[in-house]
PDB file of N, CA and C in Angstrom:
ATOM      1  N   MET A   1      13.549 -15.283   0.981  1.00  0.00           N
ATOM      2  CA  MET A   1      14.323 -14.362   0.167  1.00  0.00           C
ATOM      3  C   MET A   1      13.492 -13.086  -0.029  1.00  0.00           C
ATOM      4  N   PRO A   2      14.043 -11.930   0.283  1.00  0.00           N
ATOM      5  CA  PRO A   2      13.308 -10.678   0.062  1.00  0.00           C
ATOM      6  C   PRO A   2      12.952 -10.500  -1.411  1.00  0.00           C
ATOM      7  N   ASN A   3      11.846  -9.834  -1.642  1.00  0.00           N
ATOM      8  CA  ASN A   3      11.380  -9.607  -3.004  1.00  0.00           C
ATOM      9  C   ASN A   3      10.655  -8.263  -3.056  1.00  0.00           C
ATOM     10  N   VAL A   4      10.874  -7.490  -4.094  1.00  0.00           N
ATOM     11  CA  VAL A   4      10.241  -6.187  -4.255  1.00  0.00           C
ATOM     12  C   VAL A   4       8.961  -6.347  -5.063  1.00  0.00           C
ATOM     13  N   ARG A   5       7.906  -5.713  -4.601  1.00  0.00           N
ATOM     14  CA  ARG A   5       6.623  -5.700  -5.303  1.00  0.00           C
ATOM     15  C   ARG A   5       6.195  -4.252  -5.505  1.00  0.00           C
ATOM     16  N   ILE A   6       5.748  -3.944  -6.685  1.00  0.00           N
ATOM     17  CA  ILE A   6       5.181  -2.621  -6.946  1.00  0.00           C
ATOM     18  C   ILE A   6       3.667  -2.776  -6.889  1.00  0.00           C
ATOM     19  N   VAL A   7       3.033  -2.011  -6.014  1.00  0.00           N
ATOM     20  CA  VAL A   7       1.587  -2.090  -5.860  1.00  0.00           C
ATOM     21  C   VAL A   7       1.014  -0.675  -5.841  1.00  0.00           C
ATOM     22  N   SER A   8      -0.231  -0.578  -6.220  1.00  0.00           N
ATOM     23  CA  SER A   8      -0.954   0.683  -6.155  1.00  0.00           C
ATOM     24  C   SER A   8      -1.629   0.746  -4.793  1.00  0.00           C
ATOM     25  N   ILE A   9      -1.331   1.785  -4.030  1.00  0.00           N
ATOM     26  CA  ILE A   9      -1.830   1.881  -2.659  1.00  0.00           C
ATOM     27  C   ILE A   9      -2.830   3.013  -2.498  1.00  0.00           C
ATOM     28  N   CYS A  10      -3.580   2.929  -1.414  1.00  0.00           N
ATOM     29  CA  CYS A  10      -4.428   4.034  -0.970  1.00  0.00           C
ATOM     30  C   CYS A  10      -4.559   3.917   0.541  1.00  0.00           C
ATOM     31  N   TYR A  11      -5.152   4.910   1.148  1.00  0.00           N
ATOM     32  CA  TYR A  11      -5.337   4.888   2.594  1.00  0.00           C
ATOM     33  C   TYR A  11      -6.587   5.659   2.948  1.00  0.00           C
ATOM     34  N   ASP A  12      -7.075   5.408   4.150  1.00  0.00           N
ATOM     35  CA  ASP A  12      -8.237   6.103   4.692  1.00  0.00           C
ATOM     36  C   ASP A  12      -7.759   6.849   5.933  1.00  0.00           C
ATOM     37  N   VAL A  13      -7.913   8.158   5.963  1.00  0.00           N
ATOM     38  CA  VAL A  13      -7.408   8.956   7.084  1.00  0.00           C
ATOM     39  C   VAL A  13      -8.024   8.534   8.418  1.00  0.00           C
ATOM     40  N   LYS A  14      -9.158   7.839   8.376  1.00  0.00           N
ATOM     41  CA  LYS A  14      -9.792   7.369   9.612  1.00  0.00           C
ATOM     42  C   LYS A  14      -9.013   6.226  10.260  1.00  0.00           C
ATOM     43  N   TYR A  15      -8.093   5.608   9.498  1.00  0.00           N
ATOM     44  CA  TYR A  15      -7.334   4.467  10.005  1.00  0.00           C
ATOM     45  C   TYR A  15      -5.832   4.711   9.840  1.00  0.00           C
ATOM     46  N   PRO A  16      -5.237   5.520  10.739  1.00  0.00           N
ATOM     47  CA  PRO A  16      -3.808   5.802  10.629  1.00  0.00           C
ATOM     48  C   PRO A  16      -2.984   4.525  10.752  1.00  0.00           C
ATOM     49  N   GLY A  17      -1.941   4.449   9.958  1.00  0.00           N
ATOM     50  CA  GLY A  17      -1.060   3.296  10.000  1.00  0.00           C
ATOM     51  C   GLY A  17      -1.512   2.130   9.154  1.00  0.00           C
ATOM     52  N   VAL A  18      -2.611   2.297   8.402  1.00  0.00           N
ATOM     53  CA  VAL A  18      -3.103   1.225   7.528  1.00  0.00           C
ATOM     54  C   VAL A  18      -3.065   1.704   6.083  1.00  0.00           C
ATOM     55  N   ILE A  19      -2.435   0.914   5.239  1.00  0.00           N
ATOM     56  CA  ILE A  19      -2.351   1.200   3.810  1.00  0.00           C
ATOM     57  C   ILE A  19      -2.971   0.015   3.077  1.00  0.00           C
ATOM     58  N   TYR A  20      -3.785   0.293   2.068  1.00  0.00           N
ATOM     59  CA  TYR A  20      -4.459  -0.767   1.320  1.00  0.00           C
ATOM     60  C   TYR A  20      -3.828  -0.923  -0.067  1.00  0.00           C
ATOM     61  N   PHE A  21      -3.782  -2.153  -0.549  1.00  0.00           N
ATOM     62  CA  PHE A  21      -3.484  -2.414  -1.955  1.00  0.00           C
ATOM     63  C   PHE A  21      -4.344  -3.577  -2.398  1.00  0.00           C
ATOM     64  N   GLN A  22      -4.483  -3.719  -3.698  1.00  0.00           N
ATOM     65  CA  GLN A  22      -5.341  -4.770  -4.230  1.00  0.00           C
ATOM     66  C   GLN A  22      -4.584  -5.622  -5.227  1.00  0.00           C
ATOM     67  N   THR A  23      -5.073  -6.830  -5.385  1.00  0.00           N
ATOM     68  CA  THR A  23      -4.545  -7.728  -6.405  1.00  0.00           C
ATOM     69  C   THR A  23      -5.718  -8.475  -7.013  1.00  0.00           C
ATOM     70  N   ASN A  24      -5.579  -8.844  -8.255  1.00  0.00           N
ATOM     71  CA  ASN A  24      -6.657  -9.613  -8.876  1.00  0.00           C
ATOM     72  C   ASN A  24      -6.227 -11.044  -9.159  1.00  0.00           C
ATOM     73  N   ASN A  25      -5.130 -11.468  -8.553  1.00  0.00           N
ATOM     74  CA  ASN A  25      -4.641 -12.820  -8.786  1.00  0.00           C
ATOM     75  C   ASN A  25      -4.223 -13.435  -7.460  1.00  0.00           C
ATOM     76  N   MET A  26      -5.147 -14.147  -6.811  1.00  0.00           N
ATOM     77  CA  MET A  26      -4.867 -14.742  -5.500  1.00  0.00           C
ATOM     78  C   MET A  26      -3.888 -15.915  -5.583  1.00  0.00           C
ATOM     79  N   SER A  27      -3.572 -16.361  -6.787  1.00  0.00           N
ATOM     80  CA  SER A  27      -2.603 -17.453  -6.927  1.00  0.00           C
ATOM     81  C   SER A  27      -1.224 -16.937  -7.357  1.00  0.00           C
ATOM     82  N   SER A  28      -1.015 -15.620  -7.280  1.00  0.00           N
ATOM     83  CA  SER A  28       0.245 -15.031  -7.732  1.00  0.00           C
ATOM     84  C   SER A  28       1.377 -15.322  -6.752  1.00  0.00           C
ATOM     85  N   LYS A  29       2.599 -15.156  -7.209  1.00  0.00           N
ATOM     86  CA  LYS A  29       3.785 -15.305  -6.355  1.00  0.00           C
ATOM     87  C   LYS A  29       3.740 -14.284  -5.222  1.00  0.00           C
ATOM     88  N   LYS A  30       3.225 -13.104  -5.490  1.00  0.00           N
ATOM     89  CA  LYS A  30       3.116 -12.064  -4.462  1.00  0.00           C
ATOM     90  C   LYS A  30       2.274 -12.569  -3.286  1.00  0.00           C
ATOM     91  N   VAL A  31       1.134 -13.142  -3.561  1.00  0.00           N
ATOM     92  CA  VAL A  31       0.250 -13.638  -2.509  1.00  0.00           C
ATOM     93  C   VAL A  31       0.889 -14.827  -1.789  1.00  0.00           C
ATOM     94  N   SER A  32       1.560 -15.670  -2.536  1.00  0.00           N
ATOM     95  CA  SER A  32       2.268 -16.804  -1.943  1.00  0.00           C
ATOM     96  C   SER A  32       3.374 -16.323  -1.005  1.00  0.00           C
ATOM     97  N   ASP A  33       4.127 -15.312  -1.417  1.00  0.00           N
ATOM     98  CA  ASP A  33       5.189 -14.752  -0.576  1.00  0.00           C
ATOM     99  C   ASP A  33       4.623 -14.172   0.717  1.00  0.00           C
ATOM    100  N   ILE A  34       3.497 -13.481   0.623  1.00  0.00           N
ATOM    101  CA  ILE A  34       2.852 -12.891   1.804  1.00  0.00           C
ATOM    102  C   ILE A  34       2.420 -13.997   2.766  1.00  0.00           C
ATOM    103  N   ALA A  35       1.878 -15.078   2.220  1.00  0.00           N
ATOM    104  CA  ALA A  35       1.431 -16.189   3.069  1.00  0.00           C
ATOM    105  C   ALA A  35       2.608 -16.819   3.826  1.00  0.00           C
ATOM    106  N   GLN A  36       3.777 -16.819   3.212  1.00  0.00           N
ATOM    107  CA  GLN A  36       4.952 -17.414   3.843  1.00  0.00           C
ATOM    108  C   GLN A  36       5.592 -16.494   4.889  1.00  0.00           C
ATOM    109  N   ASN A  37       5.500 -15.175   4.659  1.00  0.00           N
ATOM    110  CA  ASN A  37       6.110 -14.220   5.583  1.00  0.00           C
ATOM    111  C   ASN A  37       5.413 -12.872   5.397  1.00  0.00           C
ATOM    112  N   ASN A  38       4.650 -12.462   6.402  1.00  0.00           N
ATOM    113  CA  ASN A  38       3.892 -11.213   6.254  1.00  0.00           C
ATOM    114  C   ASN A  38       4.612 -10.003   6.831  1.00  0.00           C
ATOM    115  N   ASN A  39       5.869 -10.141   7.235  1.00  0.00           N
ATOM    116  CA  ASN A  39       6.673  -8.992   7.671  1.00  0.00           C
ATOM    117  C   ASN A  39       7.273  -8.336   6.435  1.00  0.00           C
ATOM    118  N   ILE A  40       7.074  -7.027   6.301  1.00  0.00           N
ATOM    119  CA  ILE A  40       7.531  -6.349   5.090  1.00  0.00           C
ATOM    120  C   ILE A  40       8.270  -5.053   5.396  1.00  0.00           C
ATOM    121  N   SER A  41       9.012  -4.623   4.409  1.00  0.00           N
ATOM    122  CA  SER A  41       9.575  -3.277   4.334  1.00  0.00           C
ATOM    123  C   SER A  41       8.970  -2.629   3.099  1.00  0.00           C
ATOM    124  N   PHE A  42       8.861  -1.314   3.100  1.00  0.00           N
ATOM    125  CA  PHE A  42       8.354  -0.642   1.904  1.00  0.00           C
ATOM    126  C   PHE A  42       8.870   0.781   1.840  1.00  0.00           C
ATOM    127  N   THR A  43       8.783   1.338   0.655  1.00  0.00           N
ATOM    128  CA  THR A  43       9.023   2.758   0.455  1.00  0.00           C
ATOM    129  C   THR A  43       8.040   3.247  -0.591  1.00  0.00           C
ATOM    130  N   THR A  44       7.635   4.487  -0.464  1.00  0.00           N
ATOM    131  CA  THR A  44       6.826   5.104  -1.509  1.00  0.00           C
ATOM    132  C   THR A  44       7.768   5.745  -2.512  1.00  0.00           C
ATOM    133  N   ALA A  45       7.301   5.916  -3.716  1.00  0.00           N
ATOM    134  CA  ALA A  45       8.109   6.544  -4.760  1.00  0.00           C
ATOM    135  C   ALA A  45       7.838   8.042  -4.765  1.00  0.00           C
ATOM    136  N   PRO A  46       8.891   8.847  -4.912  1.00  0.00           N
ATOM    137  CA  PRO A  46       8.670  10.290  -5.052  1.00  0.00           C
ATOM    138  C   PRO A  46       7.800  10.581  -6.269  1.00  0.00           C
ATOM    139  N   ILE A  47       7.006  11.628  -6.180  1.00  0.00           N
ATOM    140  CA  ILE A  47       6.124  12.022  -7.281  1.00  0.00           C
ATOM    141  C   ILE A  47       6.598  13.354  -7.837  1.00  0.00           C
ATOM    142  N   GLY A  48       6.703  13.428  -9.152  1.00  0.00           N
ATOM    143  CA  GLY A  48       7.121  14.677  -9.792  1.00  0.00           C
ATOM    144  C   GLY A  48       8.537  15.048  -9.426  1.00  0.00           C
ATOM    145  N   LYS A  49       8.746  16.320  -9.117  1.00  0.00           N
ATOM    146  CA  LYS A  49      10.095  16.819  -8.823  1.00  0.00           C
ATOM    147  C   LYS A  49      10.446  16.737  -7.338  1.00  0.00           C
ATOM    148  N   THR A  50       9.513  16.276  -6.518  1.00  0.00           N
ATOM    149  CA  THR A  50       9.788  16.186  -5.090  1.00  0.00           C
ATOM    150  C   THR A  50      10.613  14.939  -4.777  1.00  0.00           C
ATOM    151  N   ILE A  51      11.325  14.968  -3.680  1.00  0.00           N
ATOM    152  CA  ILE A  51      12.042  13.768  -3.232  1.00  0.00           C
ATOM    153  C   ILE A  51      11.365  13.179  -1.998  1.00  0.00           C
ATOM    154  N   ALA A  52      10.266  13.794  -1.572  1.00  0.00           N
ATOM    155  CA  ALA A  52       9.573  13.327  -0.375  1.00  0.00           C
ATOM    156  C   ALA A  52       9.141  11.876  -0.544  1.00  0.00           C
ATOM    157  N   ASN A  53       9.335  11.097   0.511  1.00  0.00           N
ATOM    158  CA  ASN A  53       8.881   9.713   0.504  1.00  0.00           C
ATOM    159  C   ASN A  53       8.720   9.225   1.935  1.00  0.00           C
ATOM    160  N   ILE A  54       8.053   8.103   2.060  1.00  0.00           N
ATOM    161  CA  ILE A  54       7.849   7.456   3.344  1.00  0.00           C
ATOM    162  C   ILE A  54       8.426   6.061   3.223  1.00  0.00           C
ATOM    163  N   ARG A  55       9.128   5.613   4.276  1.00  0.00           N
ATOM    164  CA  ARG A  55       9.663   4.257   4.237  1.00  0.00           C
ATOM    165  C   ARG A  55       9.576   3.620   5.620  1.00  0.00           C
ATOM    166  N   SER A  56       9.462   2.305   5.591  1.00  0.00           N
ATOM    167  CA  SER A  56       9.358   1.568   6.841  1.00  0.00           C
ATOM    168  C   SER A  56       9.946   0.176   6.672  1.00  0.00           C
ATOM    169  N   ASN A  57      10.573  -0.311   7.717  1.00  0.00           N
ATOM    170  CA  ASN A  57      10.971  -1.708   7.747  1.00  0.00           C
ATOM    171  C   ASN A  57      10.323  -2.387   8.950  1.00  0.00           C
ATOM    172  N   ASN A  58       9.193  -1.825   9.358  1.00  0.00           N
ATOM    173  CA  ASN A  58       8.470  -2.327  10.520  1.00  0.00           C
ATOM    174  C   ASN A  58       6.972  -2.353  10.204  1.00  0.00           C
ATOM    175  N   ALA A  59       6.590  -3.263   9.302  1.00  0.00           N
ATOM    176  CA  ALA A  59       5.193  -3.352   8.885  1.00  0.00           C
ATOM    177  C   ALA A  59       4.830  -4.812   8.617  1.00  0.00           C
ATOM    178  N   THR A  60       3.537  -5.080   8.657  1.00  0.00           N
ATOM    179  CA  THR A  60       3.026  -6.405   8.325  1.00  0.00           C
ATOM    180  C   THR A  60       1.912  -6.259   7.297  1.00  0.00           C
ATOM    181  N   VAL A  61       1.632  -7.341   6.588  1.00  0.00           N
ATOM    182  CA  VAL A  61       0.575  -7.318   5.580  1.00  0.00           C
ATOM    183  C   VAL A  61      -0.292  -8.557   5.745  1.00  0.00           C
ATOM    184  N   HIS A  62      -1.595  -8.374   5.533  1.00  0.00           N
ATOM    185  CA  HIS A  62      -2.522  -9.496   5.534  1.00  0.00           C
ATOM    186  C   HIS A  62      -3.753  -9.148   4.698  1.00  0.00           C
ATOM    187  N   ARG A  63      -4.493 -10.175   4.345  1.00  0.00           N
ATOM    188  CA  ARG A  63      -5.717  -9.969   3.578  1.00  0.00           C
ATOM    189  C   ARG A  63      -6.702  -9.165   4.423  1.00  0.00           C
ATOM    190  N   SER A  64      -7.350  -8.203   3.796  1.00  0.00           N
ATOM    191  CA  SER A  64      -8.271  -7.327   4.496  1.00  0.00           C
ATOM    192  C   SER A  64      -9.649  -7.971   4.643  1.00  0.00           C
ATOM    193  N   ASN A  65     -10.364  -7.551   5.661  1.00  0.00           N
ATOM    194  CA  ASN A  65     -11.776  -7.926   5.794  1.00  0.00           C
ATOM    195  C   ASN A  65     -12.655  -7.045   4.926  1.00  0.00           C
ATOM    196  N   CYS A  66     -12.097  -5.956   4.407  1.00  0.00           N
ATOM    197  CA  CYS A  66     -12.842  -5.048   3.523  1.00  0.00           C
ATOM    198  C   CYS A  66     -12.859  -5.612   2.104  1.00  0.00           C
ATOM    199  N   THR A  67     -13.951  -5.392   1.420  1.00  0.00           N
ATOM    200  CA  THR A  67     -14.021  -5.783   0.015  1.00  0.00           C
ATOM    201  C   THR A  67     -13.490  -4.651  -0.849  1.00  0.00           C
ATOM    202  N   PHE A  68     -13.173  -4.986  -2.089  1.00  0.00           N
ATOM    203  CA  PHE A  68     -12.725  -3.948  -3.010  1.00  0.00           C
ATOM    204  C   PHE A  68     -13.818  -2.904  -3.211  1.00  0.00           C
ATOM    205  N   ASP A  69     -15.068  -3.345  -3.321  1.00  0.00           N
ATOM    206  CA  ASP A  69     -16.170  -2.397  -3.529  1.00  0.00           C
ATOM    207  C   ASP A  69     -16.279  -1.394  -2.384  1.00  0.00           C
ATOM    208  N   GLU A  70     -15.977  -1.834  -1.160  1.00  0.00           N
ATOM    209  CA  GLU A  70     -16.030  -0.930  -0.012  1.00  0.00           C
ATOM    210  C   GLU A  70     -14.945   0.144  -0.072  1.00  0.00           C
ATOM    211  N   LEU A  71     -13.826  -0.172  -0.723  1.00  0.00           N
ATOM    212  CA  LEU A  71     -12.695   0.752  -0.762  1.00  0.00           C
ATOM    213  C   LEU A  71     -12.436   1.357  -2.141  1.00  0.00           C
ATOM    214  N   LYS A  72     -13.238   0.983  -3.118  1.00  0.00           N
ATOM    215  CA  LYS A  72     -13.003   1.434  -4.494  1.00  0.00           C
ATOM    216  C   LYS A  72     -12.881   2.953  -4.583  1.00  0.00           C
ATOM    217  N   HIS A  73     -13.687   3.681  -3.826  1.00  0.00           N
ATOM    218  CA  HIS A  73     -13.635   5.146  -3.888  1.00  0.00           C
ATOM    219  C   HIS A  73     -12.252   5.675  -3.499  1.00  0.00           C
ATOM    220  N   LEU A  74     -11.559   4.992  -2.577  1.00  0.00           N
ATOM    221  CA  LEU A  74     -10.214   5.426  -2.180  1.00  0.00           C
ATOM    222  C   LEU A  74      -9.205   5.186  -3.301  1.00  0.00           C
ATOM    223  N   PHE A  75      -9.314   4.028  -3.967  1.00  0.00           N
ATOM    224  CA  PHE A  75      -8.417   3.728  -5.085  1.00  0.00           C
ATOM    225  C   PHE A  75      -8.670   4.683  -6.254  1.00  0.00           C
ATOM    226  N   VAL A  76      -9.941   4.969  -6.531  1.00  0.00           N
ATOM    227  CA  VAL A  76     -10.281   5.887  -7.628  1.00  0.00           C
ATOM    228  C   VAL A  76      -9.801   7.296  -7.308  1.00  0.00           C
ATOM    229  N   ALA A  77      -9.923   7.716  -6.051  1.00  0.00           N
ATOM    230  CA  ALA A  77      -9.455   9.060  -5.668  1.00  0.00           C
ATOM    231  C   ALA A  77      -7.950   9.185  -5.891  1.00  0.00           C
ATOM    232  N   LYS A  78      -7.225   8.096  -5.683  1.00  0.00           N
ATOM    233  CA  LYS A  78      -5.772   8.106  -5.864  1.00  0.00           C
ATOM    234  C   LYS A  78      -5.389   8.134  -7.337  1.00  0.00           C
ATOM    235  N   VAL A  79      -6.072   7.312  -8.160  1.00  0.00           N
ATOM    236  CA  VAL A  79      -5.767   7.241  -9.597  1.00  0.00           C
ATOM    237  C   VAL A  79      -7.097   7.224 -10.366  1.00  0.00           C
ATOM    238  N   PRO A  80      -7.655   8.403 -10.639  1.00  0.00           N
ATOM    239  CA  PRO A  80      -8.957   8.461 -11.307  1.00  0.00           C
ATOM    240  C   PRO A  80      -8.998   7.764 -12.666  1.00  0.00           C
ATOM    241  N   GLU A  81      -7.852   7.695 -13.337  1.00  0.00           N
ATOM    242  CA  GLU A  81      -7.801   7.069 -14.663  1.00  0.00           C
ATOM    243  C   GLU A  81      -8.135   5.575 -14.625  1.00  0.00           C
ATOM    244  N   TYR A  82      -8.069   4.949 -13.451  1.00  0.00           N
ATOM    245  CA  TYR A  82      -8.343   3.511 -13.326  1.00  0.00           C
ATOM    246  C   TYR A  82      -9.822   3.199 -13.077  1.00  0.00           C
ATOM    247  N   GLU A  83     -10.667   4.219 -12.968  1.00  0.00           N
ATOM    248  CA  GLU A  83     -12.061   3.974 -12.587  1.00  0.00           C
ATOM    249  C   GLU A  83     -12.769   3.005 -13.527  1.00  0.00           C
ATOM    250  N   ASP A  84     -12.596   3.151 -14.835  1.00  0.00           N
ATOM    251  CA  ASP A  84     -13.256   2.234 -15.773  1.00  0.00           C
ATOM    252  C   ASP A  84     -12.791   0.795 -15.557  1.00  0.00           C
ATOM    253  N   ALA A  85     -11.500   0.599 -15.369  1.00  0.00           N
ATOM    254  CA  ALA A  85     -10.975  -0.747 -15.128  1.00  0.00           C
ATOM    255  C   ALA A  85     -11.511  -1.303 -13.813  1.00  0.00           C
ATOM    256  N   TYR A  86     -11.561  -0.466 -12.775  1.00  0.00           N
ATOM    257  CA  TYR A  86     -12.097  -0.915 -11.492  1.00  0.00           C
ATOM    258  C   TYR A  86     -13.569  -1.299 -11.619  1.00  0.00           C
ATOM    259  N   ASN A  87     -14.331  -0.521 -12.395  1.00  0.00           N
ATOM    260  CA  ASN A  87     -15.744  -0.847 -12.587  1.00  0.00           C
ATOM    261  C   ASN A  87     -15.898  -2.182 -13.309  1.00  0.00           C
ATOM    262  N   GLN A  88     -15.021  -2.454 -14.245  1.00  0.00           N
ATOM    263  CA  GLN A  88     -15.110  -3.678 -15.027  1.00  0.00           C
ATOM    264  C   GLN A  88     -14.559  -4.897 -14.282  1.00  0.00           C
ATOM    265  N   TYR A  89     -13.440  -4.723 -13.559  1.00  0.00           N
ATOM    266  CA  TYR A  89     -12.758  -5.870 -12.956  1.00  0.00           C
ATOM    267  C   TYR A  89     -12.753  -5.868 -11.428  1.00  0.00           C
ATOM    268  N   GLY A  90     -13.401  -4.897 -10.823  1.00  0.00           N
ATOM    269  CA  GLY A  90     -13.395  -4.785  -9.364  1.00  0.00           C
ATOM    270  C   GLY A  90     -13.867  -6.033  -8.653  1.00  0.00           C
ATOM    271  N   HIS A  91     -14.797  -6.751  -9.245  1.00  0.00           N
ATOM    272  CA  HIS A  91     -15.318  -7.964  -8.608  1.00  0.00           C
ATOM    273  C   HIS A  91     -14.254  -9.057  -8.491  1.00  0.00           C
ATOM    274  N   THR A  92     -13.141  -8.935  -9.235  1.00  0.00           N
ATOM    275  CA  THR A  92     -12.067  -9.931  -9.167  1.00  0.00           C
ATOM    276  C   THR A  92     -10.954  -9.524  -8.198  1.00  0.00           C
ATOM    277  N   MET A  93     -11.043  -8.328  -7.622  1.00  0.00           N
ATOM    278  CA  MET A  93      -9.970  -7.790  -6.786  1.00  0.00           C
ATOM    279  C   MET A  93     -10.108  -8.234  -5.328  1.00  0.00           C
ATOM    280  N   THR A  94      -8.963  -8.511  -4.720  1.00  0.00           N
ATOM    281  CA  THR A  94      -8.872  -8.808  -3.294  1.00  0.00           C
ATOM    282  C   THR A  94      -8.003  -7.731  -2.663  1.00  0.00           C
ATOM    283  N   VAL A  95      -8.427  -7.246  -1.514  1.00  0.00           N
ATOM    284  CA  VAL A  95      -7.724  -6.158  -0.840  1.00  0.00           C
ATOM    285  C   VAL A  95      -6.822  -6.722   0.255  1.00  0.00           C
ATOM    286  N   PHE A  96      -5.629  -6.158   0.341  1.00  0.00           N
ATOM    287  CA  PHE A  96      -4.690  -6.461   1.418  1.00  0.00           C
ATOM    288  C   PHE A  96      -4.432  -5.183   2.199  1.00  0.00           C
ATOM    289  N   GLU A  97      -4.053  -5.358   3.468  1.00  0.00           N
ATOM    290  CA  GLU A  97      -3.743  -4.225   4.343  1.00  0.00           C
ATOM    291  C   GLU A  97      -2.295  -4.318   4.799  1.00  0.00           C
ATOM    292  N   ILE A  98      -1.608  -3.208   4.702  1.00  0.00           N
ATOM    293  CA  ILE A  98      -0.283  -3.074   5.298  1.00  0.00           C
ATOM    294  C   ILE A  98      -0.485  -2.307   6.600  1.00  0.00           C
ATOM    295  N   HIS A  99      -0.051  -2.901   7.700  1.00  0.00           N
ATOM    296  CA  HIS A  99      -0.133  -2.239   9.001  1.00  0.00           C
ATOM    297  C   HIS A  99       1.271  -1.767   9.369  1.00  0.00           C
ATOM    298  N   VAL A 100       1.412  -0.455   9.416  1.00  0.00           N
ATOM    299  CA  VAL A 100       2.710   0.170   9.658  1.00  0.00           C
ATOM    300  C   VAL A 100       2.835   0.484  11.148  1.00  0.00           C
ATOM    301  N   LYS A 101       3.896  -0.012  11.771  1.00  0.00           N
ATOM    302  CA  LYS A 101       4.125   0.267  13.189  1.00  0.00           C
ATOM    303  C   LYS A 101       4.891   1.578  13.364  1.00  0.00           C
ATOM    304  N   GLU A 102       5.861   1.817  12.478  1.00  0.00           N
ATOM    305  CA  GLU A 102       6.581   3.085  12.465  1.00  0.00           C
ATOM    306  C   GLU A 102       7.135   3.305  11.068  1.00  0.00           C
ATOM    307  N   ALA A 103       7.334   4.569  10.730  1.00  0.00           N
ATOM    308  CA  ALA A 103       7.830   4.918   9.399  1.00  0.00           C
ATOM    309  C   ALA A 103       8.711   6.146   9.497  1.00  0.00           C
ATOM    310  N   ILE A 104       9.590   6.285   8.535  1.00  0.00           N
ATOM    311  CA  ILE A 104      10.444   7.466   8.418  1.00  0.00           C
ATOM    312  C   ILE A 104       9.906   8.300   7.266  1.00  0.00           C
ATOM    313  N   VAL A 105       9.735   9.579   7.523  1.00  0.00           N
ATOM    314  CA  VAL A 105       9.262  10.508   6.498  1.00  0.00           C
ATOM    315  C   VAL A 105      10.429  11.376   6.074  1.00  0.00           C
ATOM    316  N   VAL A 106      10.771  11.314   4.793  1.00  0.00           N
ATOM    317  CA  VAL A 106      11.837  12.136   4.233  1.00  0.00           C
ATOM    318  C   VAL A 106      11.165  13.249   3.438  1.00  0.00           C
ATOM    319  N   VAL A 107      11.376  14.481   3.868  1.00  0.00           N
ATOM    320  CA  VAL A 107      10.780  15.622   3.183  1.00  0.00           C
ATOM    321  C   VAL A 107      11.762  16.203   2.178  1.00  0.00           C
ATOM    322  N   ASP A 108      13.012  16.310   2.591  1.00  0.00           N
ATOM    323  CA  ASP A 108      14.056  16.892   1.767  1.00  0.00           C
ATOM    324  C   ASP A 108      15.382  16.355   2.292  1.00  0.00           C
ATOM    325  N   TYR A 109      16.341  16.144   1.428  1.00  0.00           N
ATOM    326  CA  TYR A 109      17.624  15.603   1.876  1.00  0.00           C
ATOM    327  C   TYR A 109      18.335  16.524   2.859  1.00  0.00           C
ATOM    328  N   GLY A 110      18.021  17.802   2.853  1.00  0.00           N
ATOM    329  CA  GLY A 110      18.642  18.733   3.777  1.00  0.00           C
ATOM    330  C   GLY A 110      17.988  18.775   5.140  1.00  0.00           C
ATOM    331  N   ILE A 111      16.864  18.090   5.295  1.00  0.00           N
ATOM    332  CA  ILE A 111      16.118  18.100   6.558  1.00  0.00           C
ATOM    333  C   ILE A 111      16.190  16.706   7.165  1.00  0.00           C
ATOM    334  N   LYS A 112      16.457  16.632   8.458  1.00  0.00           N
ATOM    335  CA  LYS A 112      16.553  15.342   9.134  1.00  0.00           C
ATOM    336  C   LYS A 112      15.223  14.606   9.037  1.00  0.00           C
ATOM    337  N   PRO A 113      15.245  13.317   8.629  1.00  0.00           N
ATOM    338  CA  PRO A 113      13.994  12.549   8.531  1.00  0.00           C
ATOM    339  C   PRO A 113      13.305  12.458   9.877  1.00  0.00           C
ATOM    340  N   GLY A 114      11.998  12.415   9.844  1.00  0.00           N
ATOM    341  CA  GLY A 114      11.216  12.294  11.066  1.00  0.00           C
ATOM    342  C   GLY A 114      10.632  10.901  11.208  1.00  0.00           C
ATOM    343  N   LEU A 115      10.639  10.369  12.417  1.00  0.00           N
ATOM    344  CA  LEU A 115      10.087   9.056  12.706  1.00  0.00           C
ATOM    345  C   LEU A 115       8.655   9.222  13.174  1.00  0.00           C
ATOM    346  N   ILE A 116       7.746   8.465  12.589  1.00  0.00           N
ATOM    347  CA  ILE A 116       6.347   8.477  12.980  1.00  0.00           C
ATOM    348  C   ILE A 116       6.008   7.089  13.524  1.00  0.00           C
ATOM    349  N   GLU A 117       5.416   7.030  14.704  1.00  0.00           N
ATOM    350  CA  GLU A 117       4.971   5.750  15.250  1.00  0.00           C
ATOM    351  C   GLU A 117       3.456   5.707  15.212  1.00  0.00           C
ATOM    352  N   PHE A 118       2.903   4.540  14.857  1.00  0.00           N
ATOM    353  CA  PHE A 118       1.448   4.376  14.762  1.00  0.00           C
ATOM    354  C   PHE A 118       0.937   3.495  15.872  1.00  0.00           C
TER     355      PHE A 118
END
């Protein structure tokens, strides 16, 4: 059964097509769902007054070989307000990777969406 998850993501420009998210509960329903089926769809949420977003129904997710400490700077750069929490609880975090095969980029409703393949 499909299920929506809200996660905080980040990415490293050195690795196109890879998006990272973290969880601090390896026994959660989210992790259980991923173990049962790692094929996912996702969309990013528009920020502020923009409608720009990225969406894909051609991606997979799996546990990363990277530790949270190795990627903490990327998460902090995305949401600096979380740095204190990351410093305190980072040792409990597990990183997952979303590997995007292709995505649609919507810039504006008046402009035809563009397909990006990775």
